[in-house]
Protein backbone atom coordinates (compact mmCIF):
# COMPACT_ATOMS: atom_id res chain seq x y z
CA MET A 1 0.07 0.02 0.06
CA LEU A 2 1.16 3.41 -0.65
CA SER A 3 1.42 6.21 1.73
CA LEU A 4 2.02 9.13 -0.55
CA ILE A 5 1.75 10.02 -4.17
CA LEU A 6 4.64 12.35 -5.17
CA THR A 7 4.96 14.52 -8.35
CA HIS A 8 6.95 17.42 -9.56
CA PRO A 9 6.21 21.06 -8.54
CA GLY A 10 5.65 23.89 -11.14
CA GLY A 11 3.45 23.63 -14.22
CA ALA A 12 1.29 20.60 -14.50
CA HIS A 13 0.59 18.45 -17.55
CA LYS A 14 -1.96 15.98 -18.42
CA ASP A 15 0.28 12.97 -18.21
CA GLU A 16 1.31 13.31 -14.52
CA LEU A 17 -2.19 14.53 -13.56
CA LEU A 18 -3.83 11.43 -15.05
CA ALA A 19 -1.08 9.19 -13.62
CA CYS A 20 -1.75 10.58 -10.18
CA ALA A 21 -5.48 10.22 -10.70
CA LEU A 22 -5.11 6.45 -11.37
CA LEU A 23 -3.01 5.93 -8.36
CA ALA A 24 -5.39 7.99 -6.19
CA ALA A 25 -8.14 5.73 -7.36
CA VAL A 26 -6.35 2.73 -6.08
CA HIS A 27 -4.75 4.33 -3.01
CA ARG A 28 -6.54 6.83 -1.00
CA VAL A 29 -3.50 8.84 0.10
CA PRO A 30 -2.19 12.41 -0.04
CA ILE A 31 -0.74 13.83 -3.33
CA VAL A 32 2.28 16.09 -2.88
CA ARG A 33 4.04 18.24 -5.45
CA ARG A 34 7.66 18.75 -4.74
CA GLU A 35 11.03 17.39 -5.79
CA PRO A 36 11.79 13.87 -4.50
CA THR A 37 14.76 12.94 -2.32
CA PRO A 38 16.79 9.78 -2.64
CA GLU A 39 14.86 8.43 0.25
CA ASP A 40 11.63 9.00 -1.69
CA LEU A 41 12.81 7.01 -4.56
CA ALA A 42 13.99 4.19 -2.34
CA ASP A 43 10.75 3.92 -0.43
CA PRO A 44 8.27 1.63 -2.25
CA SER A 45 5.40 3.21 -0.08
CA ILE A 46 5.88 6.43 -2.00
CA ALA A 47 4.86 6.68 -5.62
CA VAL A 48 7.18 9.09 -7.48
CA VAL A 49 5.50 10.17 -10.63
CA ASP A 50 7.00 11.97 -13.69
CA VAL A 51 10.04 13.15 -11.68
CA GLY A 52 13.22 11.47 -10.20
CA GLY A 53 14.79 10.07 -13.30
CA VAL A 54 13.97 6.57 -12.51
CA HIS A 55 11.59 3.98 -13.87
CA ALA A 56 11.28 1.12 -11.22
CA PRO A 57 7.60 0.03 -10.92
CA GLU A 58 8.60 -2.39 -8.14
CA ARG A 59 9.31 0.75 -6.01
CA HIS A 60 6.51 2.72 -7.50
CA ASN A 61 8.97 5.03 -9.46
CA PHE A 62 7.26 6.15 -12.78
CA ASP A 63 9.46 8.63 -14.71
CA HIS A 64 10.18 8.71 -18.37
CA HIS A 65 12.42 11.74 -18.73
CA GLN A 66 15.61 9.51 -18.68
CA PHE A 67 14.64 7.54 -21.74
CA PRO A 68 16.78 8.25 -24.93
CA ALA A 69 15.32 10.76 -27.43
CA GLY A 70 14.53 7.94 -29.96
CA HIS A 71 12.51 5.93 -27.36
CA PRO A 72 8.88 5.33 -28.38
CA PRO A 73 6.64 7.98 -26.92
CA VAL A 74 5.70 6.91 -23.50
CA CYS A 75 4.92 9.30 -20.51
CA ALA A 76 4.28 8.93 -16.83
CA LEU A 77 0.55 7.92 -17.52
CA SER A 78 1.81 5.11 -19.76
CA LEU A 79 4.10 3.77 -17.03
CA VAL A 80 1.30 3.74 -14.43
CA LEU A 81 -1.18 2.09 -16.80
CA GLN A 82 1.57 -0.49 -17.58
CA HIS A 83 1.94 -1.04 -13.71
CA LEU A 84 -1.79 -1.57 -13.39
CA GLY A 85 -2.06 -3.91 -16.34
CA LEU A 86 -4.20 -1.63 -18.42
CA TYR A 87 -1.86 -0.19 -20.90
CA GLU A 88 -2.58 -2.45 -23.76
CA ASP A 89 -6.36 -2.06 -23.53
CA ALA A 90 -5.93 1.68 -23.04
CA ARG A 91 -3.89 1.98 -26.18
CA ARG A 92 -6.50 0.05 -28.06
CA PHE A 93 -9.60 1.60 -26.64
CA CYS A 94 -8.65 5.03 -25.42
CA ASP A 95 -8.16 7.10 -28.82
CA TRP A 96 -6.80 10.01 -26.77
CA LEU A 97 -3.91 8.15 -25.23
CA GLU A 98 -1.40 7.95 -28.05
CA PRO A 99 -1.71 11.69 -28.79
CA ALA A 100 -1.17 12.46 -25.12
CA GLU A 101 2.08 10.36 -25.20
CA TRP A 102 3.25 12.23 -28.31
CA PHE A 103 2.31 15.54 -26.87
CA ASP A 104 4.21 15.05 -23.54
CA THR A 105 7.25 13.52 -25.24
CA ARG A 106 7.56 15.30 -28.53
CA GLY A 107 5.89 18.57 -27.82
CA PRO A 108 2.94 20.44 -29.64
CA ASN A 109 4.49 21.11 -33.01
CA VAL A 110 5.83 17.63 -33.78
CA THR A 111 2.53 16.20 -32.40
CA ALA A 112 0.56 18.57 -34.76
CA GLN A 113 2.58 17.24 -37.71
CA TRP A 114 1.91 13.75 -36.71
CA LEU A 115 -1.77 14.28 -36.47
CA GLY A 116 -1.70 15.97 -39.76
CA LEU A 117 -2.70 19.31 -38.39
CA ASP A 118 -1.19 22.70 -38.08
CA ARG A 119 -0.41 24.24 -34.67
CA PRO A 120 -3.43 26.72 -34.61
CA THR A 121 -5.78 23.94 -35.34
CA LEU A 122 -4.22 21.83 -32.40
CA ASN A 123 -4.76 24.87 -30.17
CA LYS A 124 -8.46 24.97 -30.90
CA LEU A 125 -8.99 21.55 -29.30
CA SER A 126 -7.87 22.88 -25.87
CA SER A 127 -10.74 22.79 -23.39
CA PRO A 128 -11.33 25.13 -20.46
CA VAL A 129 -11.98 21.92 -18.31
CA ASP A 130 -8.34 20.86 -19.02
CA VAL A 131 -7.08 24.53 -18.49
CA THR A 132 -8.86 24.80 -15.04
CA VAL A 133 -8.04 21.39 -13.64
CA LEU A 134 -4.34 21.48 -14.65
CA ARG A 135 -3.96 25.17 -13.28
CA ARG A 136 -5.50 24.27 -9.96
CA PHE A 137 -3.39 21.02 -9.75
CA ALA A 138 -0.35 23.05 -10.49
CA ARG A 139 -1.10 25.52 -7.61
CA ALA A 140 -1.59 22.87 -5.04
CA ALA A 141 1.50 21.80 -2.88
CA ARG A 142 -0.38 19.10 -1.21
CA LEU A 143 -3.88 17.45 -1.82
CA GLU A 144 -5.57 15.37 0.90
CA PRO A 145 -8.37 12.89 0.39
CA GLY A 146 -11.66 14.55 0.92
CA GLU A 147 -10.62 17.76 -0.68
CA PRO A 148 -12.48 18.73 -3.75
CA LEU A 149 -9.62 18.51 -6.25
CA TRP A 150 -8.30 15.18 -4.86
CA GLU A 151 -11.87 13.76 -5.07
CA LEU A 152 -12.06 14.96 -8.63
CA LEU A 153 -8.73 13.30 -9.54
CA GLY A 154 -9.95 10.08 -7.81
CA TYR A 155 -13.09 10.06 -9.88
CA ILE A 156 -11.30 10.57 -13.12
CA GLY A 157 -9.02 7.61 -12.36
CA GLN A 158 -11.60 5.47 -11.16
CA ASP A 159 -13.83 6.13 -14.23
CA LEU A 160 -10.91 5.30 -16.48
CA ILE A 161 -10.15 2.05 -14.68
CA ASP A 162 -14.00 1.02 -14.60
CA TYR A 163 -14.24 1.97 -18.36
CA LEU A 164 -11.25 -0.27 -19.22
CA ARG A 165 -12.13 -3.19 -17.11
CA ASP A 166 -15.90 -3.14 -18.01
CA LEU A 167 -15.03 -2.91 -21.73
CA ARG A 168 -12.56 -5.74 -21.47
CA SER A 169 -15.17 -7.75 -19.63
CA ARG A 170 -17.73 -7.07 -22.36
CA ILE A 171 -15.37 -7.86 -25.22
CA ASP A 172 -14.51 -11.23 -23.70
CA ALA A 173 -18.09 -12.10 -23.31
CA VAL A 174 -18.71 -11.29 -27.11
CA ALA A 175 -15.75 -13.43 -27.99
CA GLN A 176 -17.21 -16.37 -26.16
CA SER A 177 -20.65 -16.35 -28.00
CA ALA A 178 -20.41 -14.35 -31.15
CA GLU A 179 -21.11 -16.01 -34.50
CA PHE A 180 -20.28 -14.87 -37.92
CA TRP A 181 -22.71 -15.34 -40.85
CA SER A 182 -20.84 -15.29 -44.15
CA PHE A 183 -22.41 -13.96 -47.29
CA GLU A 184 -20.89 -13.48 -50.81
CA ASP A 185 -19.35 -10.09 -50.11
CA HIS A 186 -19.65 -9.48 -46.39
CA GLU A 187 -20.28 -10.83 -43.02
CA VAL A 188 -22.85 -10.34 -40.21
CA LEU A 189 -21.98 -10.77 -36.64
CA PHE A 190 -24.84 -12.60 -34.61
CA LEU A 191 -24.85 -12.46 -30.75
CA PRO A 192 -27.23 -15.08 -29.30
CA ARG A 193 -29.53 -14.44 -26.40
CA THR A 194 -28.32 -15.34 -22.85
CA GLU A 195 -30.27 -15.41 -19.66
CA PRO A 196 -30.25 -13.01 -18.14
CA VAL A 197 -29.60 -10.52 -20.79
CA SER A 198 -26.86 -7.97 -19.87
CA ASP A 199 -27.75 -4.30 -19.20
CA ASP A 200 -26.24 -3.54 -22.58
CA PRO A 201 -25.68 -6.73 -24.65
CA GLY A 202 -24.39 -4.81 -27.68
CA ALA A 203 -21.64 -3.00 -25.88
CA GLY A 204 -18.14 -4.15 -26.80
CA ILE A 205 -19.16 -5.54 -30.21
CA VAL A 206 -17.44 -2.76 -32.24
CA ARG A 207 -14.26 -3.03 -30.20
CA TYR A 208 -14.28 -6.81 -30.48
CA LEU A 209 -14.58 -6.52 -34.35
CA GLU A 210 -11.70 -4.09 -34.25
CA SER A 211 -9.58 -6.57 -32.20
CA VAL A 212 -10.25 -9.51 -34.49
CA GLY A 213 -9.61 -7.60 -37.61
CA LYS A 214 -13.28 -7.81 -38.88
CA ASP A 215 -14.40 -4.28 -38.58
CA GLY A 216 -14.33 -3.73 -42.31
CA SER A 217 -15.88 -6.96 -43.37
CA VAL A 218 -18.86 -6.95 -41.15
CA ALA A 219 -21.95 -5.19 -42.63
CA ALA A 220 -24.65 -5.67 -39.96
CA LEU A 221 -24.95 -6.67 -36.32
CA ILE A 222 -27.66 -8.79 -34.73
CA TYR A 223 -27.79 -8.62 -30.84
CA PRO A 224 -30.27 -9.33 -28.00
CA ASP A 225 -32.76 -6.59 -27.32
CA ARG A 226 -32.37 -5.54 -23.83
CA ARG A 227 -35.90 -4.00 -23.77
CA GLY A 228 -37.68 -7.13 -25.09
CA GLY A 229 -37.58 -10.63 -25.90
CA GLY A 230 -36.14 -10.46 -29.50
CA TYR A 231 -33.17 -9.04 -31.25
CA GLY A 232 -32.00 -5.65 -32.58
CA LEU A 233 -30.69 -5.49 -36.08
CA SER A 234 -28.34 -2.66 -37.18
CA ARG A 235 -26.04 -1.56 -40.00
CA HIS A 236 -22.39 -1.58 -39.01
CA ASN A 237 -20.41 1.44 -40.06
CA ASP A 238 -23.56 2.69 -41.90
CA HIS A 239 -23.04 -0.14 -44.46
CA PRO A 240 -25.19 0.34 -47.62
CA ARG A 241 -25.88 -3.33 -47.97
CA TYR A 242 -28.87 -3.10 -45.52
CA ASP A 243 -32.04 -0.69 -45.16
CA PHE A 244 -34.13 -1.90 -42.25
CA THR A 245 -37.03 0.20 -43.41
CA ARG A 246 -37.63 -2.74 -45.82
CA ILE A 247 -38.82 -4.79 -42.95
CA GLU A 248 -40.79 -2.31 -41.13
CA LYS A 249 -44.27 -3.87 -42.05
CA GLN A 250 -43.32 -7.27 -41.02
CA PRO A 251 -45.83 -8.39 -38.09
CA ASP A 252 -42.88 -9.29 -35.78
CA VAL A 253 -41.01 -6.04 -36.31
CA HIS A 254 -42.14 -3.34 -33.81
CA PHE A 255 -39.53 -0.64 -34.67
CA ALA A 256 -37.61 0.38 -37.73
CA HIS A 257 -35.78 3.85 -37.78
CA ALA A 258 -36.82 6.03 -40.52
CA ARG A 259 -33.30 6.30 -41.75
CA GLY A 260 -32.98 2.46 -41.98
CA PHE A 261 -29.97 1.88 -39.83
CA VAL A 262 -31.67 -0.08 -37.00
CA ALA A 263 -34.77 -2.19 -36.28
CA LYS A 264 -36.10 -4.35 -33.33
CA THR A 265 -37.89 -7.63 -33.83
CA SER A 266 -39.74 -9.70 -31.24
CA ALA A 267 -38.64 -12.93 -33.19
CA VAL A 268 -36.33 -15.15 -31.15
CA GLU A 269 -36.08 -18.12 -33.61
CA ILE A 270 -32.63 -17.75 -35.49
CA GLN A 271 -34.15 -18.94 -38.78
CA ARG A 272 -36.78 -16.09 -38.52
CA VAL A 273 -34.19 -13.54 -37.71
CA ARG A 274 -32.11 -14.52 -40.54
CA GLU A 275 -35.10 -14.31 -42.90
CA LEU A 276 -35.58 -10.55 -41.55
CA LEU A 277 -31.88 -9.96 -42.36
CA LEU A 278 -32.32 -11.21 -45.80
CA LEU A 279 -35.41 -9.08 -46.41
CA ALA A 280 -33.63 -6.01 -45.37
CA ARG A 281 -30.74 -6.51 -47.94
CA VAL A 282 -30.50 -3.93 -50.74
């Protein structure tokens, strides 16, 4: 267990703020902003974040500044995510993480070029939420649990952890039961009903398709309808092969969106669901 989370004083950046937020979500201890001592770096109960020139996760030291210039972009946040076993999923499912790594290790100009943007356009993406939280964090020499800013950081860290762990759980559940129906020029993902039906049975499907390399070949999705006893049918990536208004007058279809991208059926027999799918083909 940690007794303290320590990071550098002065200007605050998103990488050490989020790294401290993750640690605060796991360890309800004070956050202090000052230079570390050799004793701090040697004490495994003190997490030293984004300062100290040492990466030694076994002692909770998470600095990246000593890495060579050509090292792949990783920041303090990357190192804490690795320590928590969340980094690979975060890189895959948090689209903002890689740009954050580039911004912290390569600076705004190189990052803008990497993103294919000019620097003024990059500046337009700044949020007053970011500005205020970072400014208040930079001004705090010590944050104690129970103080508003500490609690906000804890919420941010916990929400990120929960998002990654919940998404991983949903992806694994999809992987266990998903079926692919193959047609001449595309595939359809079918997710059979289970009892009880999860609160959002379709969640995780898109990320699952990305992880197995089928995001481009799947044209439609069929998944349990959490509000009824049947299934939802939807286009994937707005694929033109399907228009679900074509089945809106079927007796067991109780909803079809006017734009044709989704429909709901009370049918539970797989053969009937497949018939509806074929009727919706353009």
